[in-house]
Amino acid sequence: MQYTTGSKGERRLQNFEFVTPVVVGTAAFYLGKKATEYHSHKWTLYMRAVNGEDLTHLVSKVVFQLHPSFDNPMREYAHPPYEVTETGWGEFEIAVILHFTDDAGEEPVELYHKLKLYGEDDPSGQASTKKPVVSETYEEVVFREPAETFYQRVANHMPVPSPPVSQAQWFTTFQPQEDLRKISAARQRVAGMTASVQRQLEAA
């Protein structure tokens, strides 16, 4: 393993990186008879680990930046579950800012997710008050040339489950390895088709 020196004199792992997958999502319920012009939906925004693991060994706090029309639009959470629940009527993009533990020596990472109130097959958003419109995005936080002490601590960390997010029953099951396998297979098929066309052109 080769090393480099960081801006604060810390030793870092040169030409090395590790990835932590996370999910940012929203679950929105139509309020039915309780709906008003400006409060038609109740929604929850959250950030979670893909596998339900507690992330406090990496993340010191999560900041959700809501639309400026909300009271206190910058919502900070130092402990899981990282989620905020509000009511409203409109869709908008939300910034989710991840701050890391001090020994990481990393700048915060900003992720973006659009609050979705209306389903693809229900543009009115008024189909059901019992089943939410769920929108989740799989993200990968990449730590490039991490601080040595930080990486050693993370590598030796024993995973523990995170406190459950209120909308856990609606979560999407992500299988990043399977998705990568499908992408690789698709690339191979495209490469094969390209080679076949190239041979036909050369033979013409």
N, C-alpha and C. Protein backbone atom coordinates (compact mmCIF):
# COMPACT_ATOMS: atom_id res chain seq x y z
N MET A 1 0.85 -1.19 0.00
CA MET A 1 0.00 0.00 0.00
C MET A 1 0.88 1.24 0.00
N GLN A 2 0.58 2.17 -0.89
CA GLN A 2 1.31 3.43 -0.97
C GLN A 2 0.52 4.52 -0.25
N TYR A 3 1.23 5.53 0.20
CA TYR A 3 0.60 6.58 1.00
C TYR A 3 0.91 7.95 0.42
N THR A 4 0.03 8.88 0.73
CA THR A 4 0.24 10.28 0.40
C THR A 4 -0.14 11.10 1.62
N THR A 5 0.24 12.36 1.65
CA THR A 5 -0.04 13.21 2.81
C THR A 5 -1.17 14.18 2.50
N GLY A 6 -2.15 14.23 3.38
CA GLY A 6 -3.29 15.11 3.20
C GLY A 6 -2.97 16.55 3.57
N SER A 7 -3.95 17.43 3.40
CA SER A 7 -3.76 18.87 3.63
C SER A 7 -3.48 19.19 5.09
N LYS A 8 -3.90 18.30 6.00
CA LYS A 8 -3.67 18.53 7.43
C LYS A 8 -2.55 17.64 7.98
N GLY A 9 -1.76 17.08 7.08
CA GLY A 9 -0.63 16.26 7.50
C GLY A 9 -0.98 14.81 7.76
N GLU A 10 -2.22 14.42 7.55
CA GLU A 10 -2.63 13.05 7.81
C GLU A 10 -2.16 12.13 6.68
N ARG A 11 -1.90 10.88 7.03
CA ARG A 11 -1.48 9.92 6.03
C ARG A 11 -2.72 9.34 5.34
N ARG A 12 -2.69 9.33 4.00
CA ARG A 12 -3.82 8.84 3.21
C ARG A 12 -3.39 7.70 2.30
N LEU A 13 -4.35 6.85 1.96
CA LEU A 13 -4.07 5.69 1.13
C LEU A 13 -4.08 6.10 -0.33
N GLN A 14 -2.93 6.08 -0.94
CA GLN A 14 -2.79 6.57 -2.31
C GLN A 14 -3.38 5.58 -3.32
N ASN A 15 -4.06 6.13 -4.34
CA ASN A 15 -4.64 5.32 -5.42
C ASN A 15 -5.58 4.22 -4.88
N PHE A 16 -6.33 4.57 -3.84
CA PHE A 16 -7.24 3.62 -3.23
C PHE A 16 -8.55 4.34 -2.94
N GLU A 17 -9.66 3.63 -3.07
CA GLU A 17 -10.96 4.21 -2.74
C GLU A 17 -11.89 3.11 -2.23
N PHE A 18 -12.89 3.53 -1.46
CA PHE A 18 -13.96 2.61 -1.08
C PHE A 18 -15.29 3.33 -1.18
N VAL A 19 -16.33 2.54 -1.34
CA VAL A 19 -17.66 3.08 -1.66
C VAL A 19 -18.66 2.68 -0.58
N THR A 20 -19.48 3.63 -0.21
CA THR A 20 -20.60 3.35 0.69
C THR A 20 -21.90 3.67 -0.04
N PRO A 21 -22.72 2.68 -0.33
CA PRO A 21 -24.00 2.95 -1.00
C PRO A 21 -25.06 3.45 -0.02
N VAL A 22 -25.84 4.42 -0.45
CA VAL A 22 -26.93 4.96 0.35
C VAL A 22 -28.14 5.13 -0.55
N VAL A 23 -29.28 5.35 0.07
CA VAL A 23 -30.52 5.59 -0.66
C VAL A 23 -31.16 6.87 -0.14
N VAL A 24 -31.56 7.74 -1.04
CA VAL A 24 -32.34 8.93 -0.69
C VAL A 24 -33.73 8.73 -1.28
N GLY A 25 -34.75 8.97 -0.48
CA GLY A 25 -36.10 8.71 -0.98
C GLY A 25 -37.16 9.56 -0.34
N THR A 26 -38.34 9.51 -0.94
CA THR A 26 -39.53 10.16 -0.38
C THR A 26 -40.71 9.20 -0.49
N ALA A 27 -41.61 9.30 0.47
CA ALA A 27 -42.86 8.55 0.45
C ALA A 27 -43.97 9.55 0.75
N ALA A 28 -44.91 9.70 -0.18
CA ALA A 28 -45.95 10.73 -0.06
C ALA A 28 -47.34 10.12 -0.06
N PHE A 29 -48.14 10.48 0.94
CA PHE A 29 -49.52 10.02 1.05
C PHE A 29 -50.47 11.16 0.71
N TYR A 30 -51.48 10.85 -0.10
CA TYR A 30 -52.56 11.81 -0.33
C TYR A 30 -53.42 11.88 0.92
N LEU A 31 -53.83 13.06 1.33
CA LEU A 31 -54.56 13.24 2.58
C LEU A 31 -56.07 13.03 2.46
N GLY A 32 -56.55 12.77 1.26
CA GLY A 32 -57.97 12.47 1.09
C GLY A 32 -58.88 13.61 1.53
N LYS A 33 -59.85 13.31 2.39
CA LYS A 33 -60.81 14.31 2.85
C LYS A 33 -60.16 15.41 3.68
N LYS A 34 -58.97 15.13 4.22
CA LYS A 34 -58.27 16.14 5.02
C LYS A 34 -57.44 17.10 4.16
N ALA A 35 -57.38 16.81 2.86
CA ALA A 35 -56.55 17.63 1.98
C ALA A 35 -57.13 19.03 1.82
N THR A 36 -56.22 20.00 1.77
CA THR A 36 -56.59 21.38 1.49
C THR A 36 -55.78 21.85 0.29
N GLU A 37 -56.03 23.06 -0.15
CA GLU A 37 -55.36 23.57 -1.34
C GLU A 37 -53.84 23.53 -1.20
N TYR A 38 -53.33 23.88 -0.03
CA TYR A 38 -51.88 23.96 0.16
C TYR A 38 -51.32 22.80 0.98
N HIS A 39 -52.17 21.90 1.41
CA HIS A 39 -51.72 20.74 2.17
C HIS A 39 -52.48 19.51 1.69
N SER A 40 -52.12 19.07 0.49
CA SER A 40 -52.82 17.93 -0.12
C SER A 40 -52.14 16.59 0.19
N HIS A 41 -50.86 16.64 0.56
CA HIS A 41 -50.10 15.42 0.80
C HIS A 41 -49.26 15.52 2.08
N LYS A 42 -49.08 14.38 2.71
CA LYS A 42 -48.12 14.26 3.81
C LYS A 42 -46.98 13.40 3.30
N TRP A 43 -45.76 13.92 3.41
CA TRP A 43 -44.62 13.20 2.84
C TRP A 43 -43.46 13.12 3.82
N THR A 44 -42.66 12.08 3.63
CA THR A 44 -41.46 11.87 4.43
C THR A 44 -40.26 11.75 3.49
N LEU A 45 -39.25 12.53 3.79
CA LEU A 45 -37.97 12.47 3.08
C LEU A 45 -36.97 11.76 3.99
N TYR A 46 -36.14 10.88 3.41
CA TYR A 46 -35.20 10.15 4.26
C TYR A 46 -33.91 9.82 3.50
N MET A 47 -32.87 9.54 4.27
CA MET A 47 -31.61 9.02 3.76
C MET A 47 -31.30 7.78 4.58
N ARG A 48 -30.96 6.69 3.92
CA ARG A 48 -30.73 5.43 4.61
C ARG A 48 -29.62 4.64 3.94
N ALA A 49 -29.08 3.67 4.65
CA ALA A 49 -28.15 2.73 4.04
C ALA A 49 -28.94 1.73 3.21
N VAL A 50 -28.34 1.21 2.18
CA VAL A 50 -29.01 0.24 1.32
C VAL A 50 -29.44 -0.99 2.09
N ASN A 51 -28.57 -1.43 3.01
CA ASN A 51 -28.81 -2.68 3.75
C ASN A 51 -29.37 -2.47 5.15
N GLY A 52 -29.81 -1.25 5.46
CA GLY A 52 -30.38 -0.98 6.78
C GLY A 52 -29.36 -0.80 7.88
N GLU A 53 -28.10 -0.65 7.51
CA GLU A 53 -27.03 -0.51 8.50
C GLU A 53 -27.00 0.90 9.08
N ASP A 54 -26.61 1.00 10.35
CA ASP A 54 -26.38 2.29 11.00
C ASP A 54 -25.16 2.95 10.35
N LEU A 55 -25.25 4.23 10.02
CA LEU A 55 -24.17 4.93 9.32
C LEU A 55 -23.41 5.91 10.20
N THR A 56 -23.65 5.89 11.50
CA THR A 56 -23.02 6.89 12.37
C THR A 56 -21.50 6.72 12.48
N HIS A 57 -20.97 5.57 12.05
CA HIS A 57 -19.50 5.42 12.05
C HIS A 57 -18.88 6.18 10.88
N LEU A 58 -19.73 6.64 9.94
CA LEU A 58 -19.27 7.43 8.80
C LEU A 58 -19.83 8.85 8.81
N VAL A 59 -21.11 8.95 9.15
CA VAL A 59 -21.86 10.21 9.01
C VAL A 59 -22.03 10.88 10.37
N SER A 60 -21.64 12.15 10.45
CA SER A 60 -21.80 12.90 11.70
C SER A 60 -23.16 13.60 11.76
N LYS A 61 -23.68 13.99 10.58
CA LYS A 61 -25.02 14.57 10.53
C LYS A 61 -25.49 14.63 9.08
N VAL A 62 -26.80 14.72 8.93
CA VAL A 62 -27.43 14.86 7.62
C VAL A 62 -28.27 16.13 7.64
N VAL A 63 -28.12 16.94 6.62
CA VAL A 63 -28.88 18.19 6.50
C VAL A 63 -29.80 18.09 5.28
N PHE A 64 -31.09 18.28 5.50
CA PHE A 64 -32.07 18.32 4.42
C PHE A 64 -32.41 19.78 4.13
N GLN A 65 -32.21 20.20 2.90
CA GLN A 65 -32.50 21.57 2.52
C GLN A 65 -33.82 21.60 1.76
N LEU A 66 -34.89 21.98 2.47
CA LEU A 66 -36.22 21.99 1.88
C LEU A 66 -36.45 23.27 1.07
N HIS A 67 -37.61 23.36 0.45
CA HIS A 67 -37.98 24.56 -0.28
C HIS A 67 -38.03 25.73 0.70
N PRO A 68 -37.57 26.92 0.30
CA PRO A 68 -37.52 28.06 1.22
C PRO A 68 -38.87 28.50 1.76
N SER A 69 -39.96 28.02 1.19
CA SER A 69 -41.29 28.39 1.70
C SER A 69 -41.61 27.70 3.02
N PHE A 70 -40.84 26.67 3.40
CA PHE A 70 -41.07 25.97 4.66
C PHE A 70 -40.39 26.72 5.81
N ASP A 71 -41.01 26.65 6.98
CA ASP A 71 -40.36 27.18 8.18
C ASP A 71 -39.10 26.35 8.46
N ASN A 72 -38.01 27.04 8.79
CA ASN A 72 -36.75 26.35 9.08
C ASN A 72 -36.44 25.34 7.98
N PRO A 73 -36.16 25.78 6.77
CA PRO A 73 -35.96 24.86 5.65
C PRO A 73 -34.71 24.00 5.75
N MET A 74 -33.72 24.38 6.59
CA MET A 74 -32.52 23.57 6.78
C MET A 74 -32.73 22.69 8.00
N ARG A 75 -32.97 21.41 7.79
CA ARG A 75 -33.23 20.47 8.88
C ARG A 75 -32.01 19.59 9.11
N GLU A 76 -31.47 19.62 10.33
CA GLU A 76 -30.26 18.86 10.65
C GLU A 76 -30.59 17.68 11.57
N TYR A 77 -29.97 16.54 11.27
CA TYR A 77 -30.16 15.34 12.09
C TYR A 77 -28.81 14.69 12.33
N ALA A 78 -28.43 14.61 13.62
CA ALA A 78 -27.15 14.03 13.98
C ALA A 78 -27.25 12.53 14.26
N HIS A 79 -28.46 12.03 14.39
CA HIS A 79 -28.66 10.61 14.70
C HIS A 79 -29.76 10.03 13.83
N PRO A 80 -29.66 8.77 13.48
CA PRO A 80 -30.72 8.13 12.69
C PRO A 80 -31.95 7.87 13.55
N PRO A 81 -33.10 7.71 12.92
CA PRO A 81 -33.29 7.73 11.47
C PRO A 81 -33.21 9.15 10.91
N TYR A 82 -32.57 9.26 9.75
CA TYR A 82 -32.43 10.55 9.09
C TYR A 82 -33.68 10.77 8.23
N GLU A 83 -34.65 11.48 8.77
CA GLU A 83 -35.89 11.69 8.02
C GLU A 83 -36.59 12.94 8.51
N VAL A 84 -37.37 13.51 7.63
CA VAL A 84 -38.18 14.68 7.96
C VAL A 84 -39.56 14.48 7.33
N THR A 85 -40.61 14.82 8.07
CA THR A 85 -41.98 14.67 7.58
C THR A 85 -42.66 16.03 7.55
N GLU A 86 -43.33 16.32 6.44
CA GLU A 86 -44.01 17.59 6.27
C GLU A 86 -45.29 17.37 5.46
N THR A 87 -46.07 18.43 5.32
CA THR A 87 -47.22 18.42 4.42
C THR A 87 -47.06 19.53 3.40
N GLY A 88 -47.68 19.35 2.24
CA GLY A 88 -47.58 20.37 1.19
C GLY A 88 -48.38 19.95 -0.02
N TRP A 89 -48.18 20.69 -1.11
CA TRP A 89 -48.95 20.44 -2.32
C TRP A 89 -48.08 20.32 -3.57
N GLY A 90 -46.83 20.77 -3.49
CA GLY A 90 -46.00 20.82 -4.70
C GLY A 90 -44.76 19.96 -4.63
N GLU A 91 -44.27 19.58 -5.80
CA GLU A 91 -43.02 18.82 -5.92
C GLU A 91 -41.85 19.79 -6.10
N PHE A 92 -40.70 19.43 -5.56
CA PHE A 92 -39.52 20.27 -5.69
C PHE A 92 -38.27 19.43 -5.42
N GLU A 93 -37.13 19.95 -5.84
CA GLU A 93 -35.86 19.25 -5.64
C GLU A 93 -35.32 19.58 -4.25
N ILE A 94 -34.81 18.57 -3.58
CA ILE A 94 -34.29 18.72 -2.22
C ILE A 94 -32.82 18.35 -2.20
N ALA A 95 -32.02 19.18 -1.55
CA ALA A 95 -30.61 18.86 -1.35
C ALA A 95 -30.46 18.09 -0.04
N VAL A 96 -29.70 17.01 -0.10
CA VAL A 96 -29.41 16.19 1.07
C VAL A 96 -27.90 16.22 1.26
N ILE A 97 -27.46 16.83 2.35
CA ILE A 97 -26.03 17.09 2.56
C ILE A 97 -25.51 16.16 3.66
N LEU A 98 -24.53 15.33 3.30
CA LEU A 98 -23.95 14.39 4.24
C LEU A 98 -22.65 14.97 4.80
N HIS A 99 -22.58 15.06 6.13
CA HIS A 99 -21.36 15.48 6.81
C HIS A 99 -20.74 14.23 7.44
N PHE A 100 -19.41 14.15 7.38
CA PHE A 100 -18.73 12.94 7.83
C PHE A 100 -18.00 13.15 9.15
N THR A 101 -17.61 12.05 9.77
CA THR A 101 -16.93 12.10 11.06
C THR A 101 -15.61 12.87 10.93
N ASP A 102 -15.14 13.43 12.03
CA ASP A 102 -13.95 14.28 12.00
C ASP A 102 -12.73 13.57 11.44
N ASP A 103 -12.56 12.28 11.80
CA ASP A 103 -11.35 11.60 11.36
C ASP A 103 -11.35 11.29 9.87
N ALA A 104 -12.50 11.45 9.20
CA ALA A 104 -12.54 11.25 7.75
C ALA A 104 -11.78 12.35 7.02
N GLY A 105 -11.85 13.56 7.57
CA GLY A 105 -11.18 14.68 6.92
C GLY A 105 -11.75 14.97 5.54
N GLU A 106 -13.06 14.74 5.36
CA GLU A 106 -13.69 14.91 4.06
C GLU A 106 -14.68 16.07 4.08
N GLU A 107 -14.83 16.71 2.93
CA GLU A 107 -15.82 17.76 2.78
C GLU A 107 -17.21 17.14 2.68
N PRO A 108 -18.26 17.86 3.06
CA PRO A 108 -19.62 17.33 2.92
C PRO A 108 -19.94 17.00 1.47
N VAL A 109 -20.82 16.02 1.30
CA VAL A 109 -21.27 15.61 -0.03
C VAL A 109 -22.73 15.97 -0.18
N GLU A 110 -23.07 16.58 -1.30
CA GLU A 110 -24.46 16.97 -1.58
C GLU A 110 -25.08 15.99 -2.57
N LEU A 111 -26.23 15.46 -2.19
CA LEU A 111 -27.04 14.63 -3.07
C LEU A 111 -28.34 15.37 -3.35
N TYR A 112 -28.99 15.04 -4.43
CA TYR A 112 -30.23 15.74 -4.78
C TYR A 112 -31.33 14.72 -5.10
N HIS A 113 -32.52 15.05 -4.65
CA HIS A 113 -33.65 14.15 -4.87
C HIS A 113 -34.91 14.99 -5.05
N LYS A 114 -35.74 14.59 -6.00
CA LYS A 114 -36.99 15.32 -6.23
C LYS A 114 -38.12 14.69 -5.44
N LEU A 115 -38.80 15.50 -4.67
CA LEU A 115 -40.00 15.06 -3.97
C LEU A 115 -41.06 14.74 -5.00
N LYS A 116 -41.60 13.52 -4.91
CA LYS A 116 -42.60 13.07 -5.87
C LYS A 116 -43.92 12.81 -5.15
N LEU A 117 -44.96 13.53 -5.54
CA LEU A 117 -46.29 13.38 -4.93
C LEU A 117 -47.25 12.59 -5.80
N TYR A 118 -46.98 12.57 -7.10
CA TYR A 118 -47.93 12.00 -8.04
C TYR A 118 -47.33 10.82 -8.78
N GLY A 119 -48.04 9.69 -8.80
CA GLY A 119 -47.56 8.49 -9.46
C GLY A 119 -47.66 8.58 -10.97
N GLU A 120 -46.90 7.72 -11.66
CA GLU A 120 -46.91 7.73 -13.12
C GLU A 120 -48.29 7.41 -13.68
N ASP A 121 -49.01 6.49 -13.00
CA ASP A 121 -50.33 6.10 -13.48
C ASP A 121 -51.47 6.85 -12.78
N ASP A 122 -51.08 7.88 -12.00
CA ASP A 122 -52.09 8.64 -11.27
C ASP A 122 -51.63 10.09 -11.16
N PRO A 123 -51.66 10.84 -12.27
CA PRO A 123 -51.16 12.23 -12.24
C PRO A 123 -51.90 13.13 -11.28
N SER A 124 -53.12 12.76 -10.87
CA SER A 124 -53.88 13.60 -9.94
C SER A 124 -53.37 13.45 -8.52
N GLY A 125 -52.70 12.31 -8.23
CA GLY A 125 -52.18 12.07 -6.89
C GLY A 125 -53.26 11.80 -5.86
N GLN A 126 -54.46 11.44 -6.29
CA GLN A 126 -55.59 11.28 -5.37
C GLN A 126 -56.15 9.86 -5.37
N ALA A 127 -55.34 8.88 -5.79
CA ALA A 127 -55.85 7.52 -5.93
C ALA A 127 -56.05 6.82 -4.59
N SER A 128 -55.14 6.99 -3.65
CA SER A 128 -55.20 6.23 -2.41
C SER A 128 -54.60 7.03 -1.26
N THR A 129 -55.21 6.86 -0.10
CA THR A 129 -54.66 7.49 1.10
C THR A 129 -53.86 6.48 1.92
N LYS A 130 -53.84 5.22 1.48
CA LYS A 130 -53.19 4.16 2.25
C LYS A 130 -51.86 3.72 1.66
N LYS A 131 -51.69 3.90 0.37
CA LYS A 131 -50.45 3.50 -0.27
C LYS A 131 -49.74 4.74 -0.81
N PRO A 132 -48.49 4.96 -0.39
CA PRO A 132 -47.80 6.19 -0.79
C PRO A 132 -47.20 6.10 -2.19
N VAL A 133 -46.90 7.27 -2.73
CA VAL A 133 -46.07 7.36 -3.93
C VAL A 133 -44.63 7.40 -3.44
N VAL A 134 -43.86 6.39 -3.79
CA VAL A 134 -42.49 6.25 -3.29
C VAL A 134 -41.51 6.50 -4.43
N SER A 135 -40.52 7.32 -4.16
CA SER A 135 -39.46 7.60 -5.13
C SER A 135 -38.12 7.48 -4.40
N GLU A 136 -37.28 6.55 -4.85
CA GLU A 136 -35.98 6.34 -4.21
C GLU A 136 -34.87 6.38 -5.24
N THR A 137 -33.73 6.90 -4.81
CA THR A 137 -32.55 6.98 -5.67
C THR A 137 -31.37 6.31 -4.98
N TYR A 138 -30.74 5.39 -5.69
CA TYR A 138 -29.53 4.72 -5.20
C TYR A 138 -28.34 5.62 -5.50
N GLU A 139 -27.53 5.89 -4.47
CA GLU A 139 -26.35 6.73 -4.63
C GLU A 139 -25.13 6.00 -4.06
N GLU A 140 -23.95 6.34 -4.57
CA GLU A 140 -22.72 5.79 -4.03
C GLU A 140 -21.82 6.93 -3.57
N VAL A 141 -21.48 6.92 -2.29
CA VAL A 141 -20.55 7.90 -1.73
C VAL A 141 -19.16 7.30 -1.84
N VAL A 142 -18.30 7.97 -2.58
CA VAL A 142 -16.96 7.44 -2.85
C VAL A 142 -15.94 8.19 -2.01
N PHE A 143 -15.16 7.45 -1.23
CA PHE A 143 -14.07 8.02 -0.45
C PHE A 143 -12.77 7.72 -1.19
N ARG A 144 -12.23 8.72 -1.86
CA ARG A 144 -10.99 8.56 -2.63
C ARG A 144 -9.79 8.93 -1.79
N GLU A 145 -8.81 8.05 -1.80
CA GLU A 145 -7.59 8.23 -1.00
C GLU A 145 -7.96 8.62 0.43
N PRO A 146 -8.69 7.75 1.14
CA PRO A 146 -9.15 8.08 2.50
C PRO A 146 -8.00 8.17 3.49
N ALA A 147 -8.25 8.89 4.57
CA ALA A 147 -7.29 8.94 5.66
C ALA A 147 -7.08 7.53 6.22
N GLU A 148 -5.84 7.18 6.49
CA GLU A 148 -5.53 5.81 6.90
C GLU A 148 -6.26 5.41 8.18
N THR A 149 -6.23 6.29 9.18
CA THR A 149 -6.88 5.95 10.46
C THR A 149 -8.39 5.81 10.29
N PHE A 150 -8.97 6.66 9.45
CA PHE A 150 -10.41 6.59 9.18
C PHE A 150 -10.76 5.27 8.50
N TYR A 151 -10.00 4.92 7.48
CA TYR A 151 -10.31 3.68 6.76
C TYR A 151 -10.13 2.45 7.66
N GLN A 152 -9.09 2.44 8.47
CA GLN A 152 -8.88 1.30 9.37
C GLN A 152 -10.05 1.16 10.34
N ARG A 153 -10.52 2.28 10.85
CA ARG A 153 -11.66 2.23 11.77
C ARG A 153 -12.91 1.71 11.07
N VAL A 154 -13.17 2.20 9.87
CA VAL A 154 -14.34 1.77 9.12
C VAL A 154 -14.23 0.28 8.75
N ALA A 155 -13.03 -0.15 8.33
CA ALA A 155 -12.84 -1.53 7.92
C ALA A 155 -13.05 -2.50 9.09
N ASN A 156 -12.75 -2.05 10.31
CA ASN A 156 -12.88 -2.91 11.48
C ASN A 156 -14.23 -2.75 12.19
N HIS A 157 -15.08 -1.89 11.63
CA HIS A 157 -16.38 -1.62 12.25
C HIS A 157 -17.31 -2.82 12.09
N MET A 158 -17.98 -3.20 13.17
CA MET A 158 -18.96 -4.27 13.12
C MET A 158 -20.33 -3.66 12.83
N PRO A 159 -20.95 -4.03 11.72
CA PRO A 159 -22.24 -3.42 11.35
C PRO A 159 -23.32 -3.65 12.42
N VAL A 160 -24.11 -2.61 12.64
CA VAL A 160 -25.25 -2.71 13.54
C VAL A 160 -26.46 -2.12 12.80
N PRO A 161 -27.65 -2.61 13.07
CA PRO A 161 -28.83 -2.09 12.36
C PRO A 161 -29.18 -0.68 12.80
N SER A 162 -29.65 0.09 11.85
CA SER A 162 -30.09 1.45 12.14
C SER A 162 -31.50 1.44 12.71
N PRO A 163 -31.84 2.42 13.54
CA PRO A 163 -33.24 2.55 13.94
C PRO A 163 -34.11 2.64 12.70
N PRO A 164 -35.26 1.99 12.68
CA PRO A 164 -36.06 1.93 11.45
C PRO A 164 -36.62 3.28 11.04
N VAL A 165 -36.62 3.52 9.74
CA VAL A 165 -37.27 4.68 9.17
C VAL A 165 -38.77 4.40 9.13
N SER A 166 -39.57 5.42 9.32
CA SER A 166 -41.02 5.22 9.46
C SER A 166 -41.67 4.59 8.24
N GLN A 167 -41.08 4.77 7.06
CA GLN A 167 -41.67 4.25 5.83
C GLN A 167 -40.98 2.99 5.33
N ALA A 168 -40.32 2.25 6.23
CA ALA A 168 -39.49 1.11 5.83
C ALA A 168 -40.26 0.06 5.03
N GLN A 169 -41.54 -0.10 5.30
CA GLN A 169 -42.30 -1.15 4.61
C GLN A 169 -42.43 -0.88 3.11
N TRP A 170 -42.17 0.36 2.69
CA TRP A 170 -42.32 0.71 1.28
C TRP A 170 -40.98 0.77 0.55
N PHE A 171 -39.90 0.43 1.23
CA PHE A 171 -38.57 0.56 0.64
C PHE A 171 -38.41 -0.31 -0.61
N THR A 172 -37.60 0.19 -1.52
CA THR A 172 -37.17 -0.58 -2.69
C THR A 172 -35.98 -1.44 -2.29
N THR A 173 -35.92 -2.66 -2.81
CA THR A 173 -34.77 -3.52 -2.57
C THR A 173 -33.77 -3.32 -3.69
N PHE A 174 -32.63 -2.76 -3.34
CA PHE A 174 -31.59 -2.52 -4.34
C PHE A 174 -30.58 -3.66 -4.31
N GLN A 175 -30.16 -4.10 -5.50
CA GLN A 175 -29.15 -5.14 -5.63
C GLN A 175 -28.07 -4.63 -6.58
N PRO A 176 -27.16 -3.79 -6.05
CA PRO A 176 -26.17 -3.16 -6.93
C PRO A 176 -25.31 -4.14 -7.71
N GLN A 177 -24.95 -5.29 -7.08
CA GLN A 177 -24.12 -6.25 -7.80
C GLN A 177 -24.87 -6.84 -8.99
N GLU A 178 -26.16 -7.13 -8.80
CA GLU A 178 -26.96 -7.65 -9.90
C GLU A 178 -27.12 -6.60 -10.99
N ASP A 179 -27.30 -5.33 -10.60
CA ASP A 179 -27.42 -4.27 -11.59
C ASP A 179 -26.14 -4.13 -12.39
N LEU A 180 -24.99 -4.22 -11.72
CA LEU A 180 -23.71 -4.13 -12.42
C LEU A 180 -23.53 -5.30 -13.38
N ARG A 181 -23.99 -6.49 -12.96
CA ARG A 181 -23.90 -7.66 -13.85
C ARG A 181 -24.72 -7.44 -15.11
N LYS A 182 -25.92 -6.89 -14.96
CA LYS A 182 -26.78 -6.64 -16.11
C LYS A 182 -26.17 -5.60 -17.03
N ILE A 183 -25.58 -4.55 -16.45
CA ILE A 183 -24.93 -3.51 -17.27
C ILE A 183 -23.77 -4.10 -18.05
N SER A 184 -22.95 -4.94 -17.38
CA SER A 184 -21.80 -5.56 -18.03
C SER A 184 -22.27 -6.46 -19.17
N ALA A 185 -23.34 -7.24 -18.93
CA ALA A 185 -23.86 -8.13 -19.98
C ALA A 185 -24.37 -7.32 -21.16
N ALA A 186 -25.05 -6.20 -20.87
CA ALA A 186 -25.57 -5.35 -21.94
C ALA A 186 -24.43 -4.76 -22.76
N ARG A 187 -23.37 -4.34 -22.09
CA ARG A 187 -22.22 -3.79 -22.80
C ARG A 187 -21.59 -4.84 -23.71
N GLN A 188 -21.52 -6.07 -23.22
CA GLN A 188 -20.95 -7.15 -24.03
C GLN A 188 -21.81 -7.41 -25.27
N ARG A 189 -23.14 -7.37 -25.10
CA ARG A 189 -24.02 -7.56 -26.24
C ARG A 189 -23.84 -6.45 -27.27
N VAL A 190 -23.75 -5.21 -26.80
CA VAL A 190 -23.55 -4.08 -27.71
C VAL A 190 -22.21 -4.21 -28.43
N ALA A 191 -21.16 -4.62 -27.69
CA ALA A 191 -19.85 -4.78 -28.31
C ALA A 191 -19.89 -5.86 -29.38
N GLY A 192 -20.64 -6.95 -29.10
CA GLY A 192 -20.77 -8.03 -30.09
C GLY A 192 -21.50 -7.57 -31.33
N MET A 193 -22.57 -6.81 -31.15
CA MET A 193 -23.34 -6.30 -32.29
C MET A 193 -22.49 -5.33 -33.10
N THR A 194 -21.72 -4.48 -32.41
CA THR A 194 -20.86 -3.52 -33.11
C THR A 194 -19.81 -4.25 -33.94
N ALA A 195 -19.21 -5.28 -33.36
CA ALA A 195 -18.20 -6.05 -34.08
C ALA A 195 -18.81 -6.74 -35.30
N SER A 196 -20.05 -7.26 -35.15
CA SER A 196 -20.71 -7.93 -36.25
C SER A 196 -20.98 -6.96 -37.41
N VAL A 197 -21.47 -5.77 -37.07
CA VAL A 197 -21.73 -4.76 -38.10
C VAL A 197 -20.43 -4.34 -38.78
N GLN A 198 -19.36 -4.21 -38.01
CA GLN A 198 -18.09 -3.82 -38.55
C GLN A 198 -17.57 -4.86 -39.56
N ARG A 199 -17.75 -6.15 -39.23
CA ARG A 199 -17.31 -7.21 -40.12
C ARG A 199 -18.13 -7.19 -41.43
N GLN A 200 -19.44 -6.92 -41.29
CA GLN A 200 -20.28 -6.85 -42.48
C GLN A 200 -19.86 -5.70 -43.39
N LEU A 201 -19.53 -4.57 -42.77
CA LEU A 201 -19.10 -3.41 -43.56
C LEU A 201 -17.78 -3.68 -44.27
N GLU A 202 -16.89 -4.38 -43.57
CA GLU A 202 -15.58 -4.68 -44.18
C GLU A 202 -15.73 -5.68 -45.32
N ALA A 203 -16.74 -6.57 -45.20
CA ALA A 203 -16.93 -7.59 -46.25
C ALA A 203 -17.67 -7.03 -47.46
N ALA A 204 -18.35 -5.91 -47.27
CA ALA A 204 -19.15 -5.35 -48.38
C ALA A 204 -18.26 -4.77 -49.48
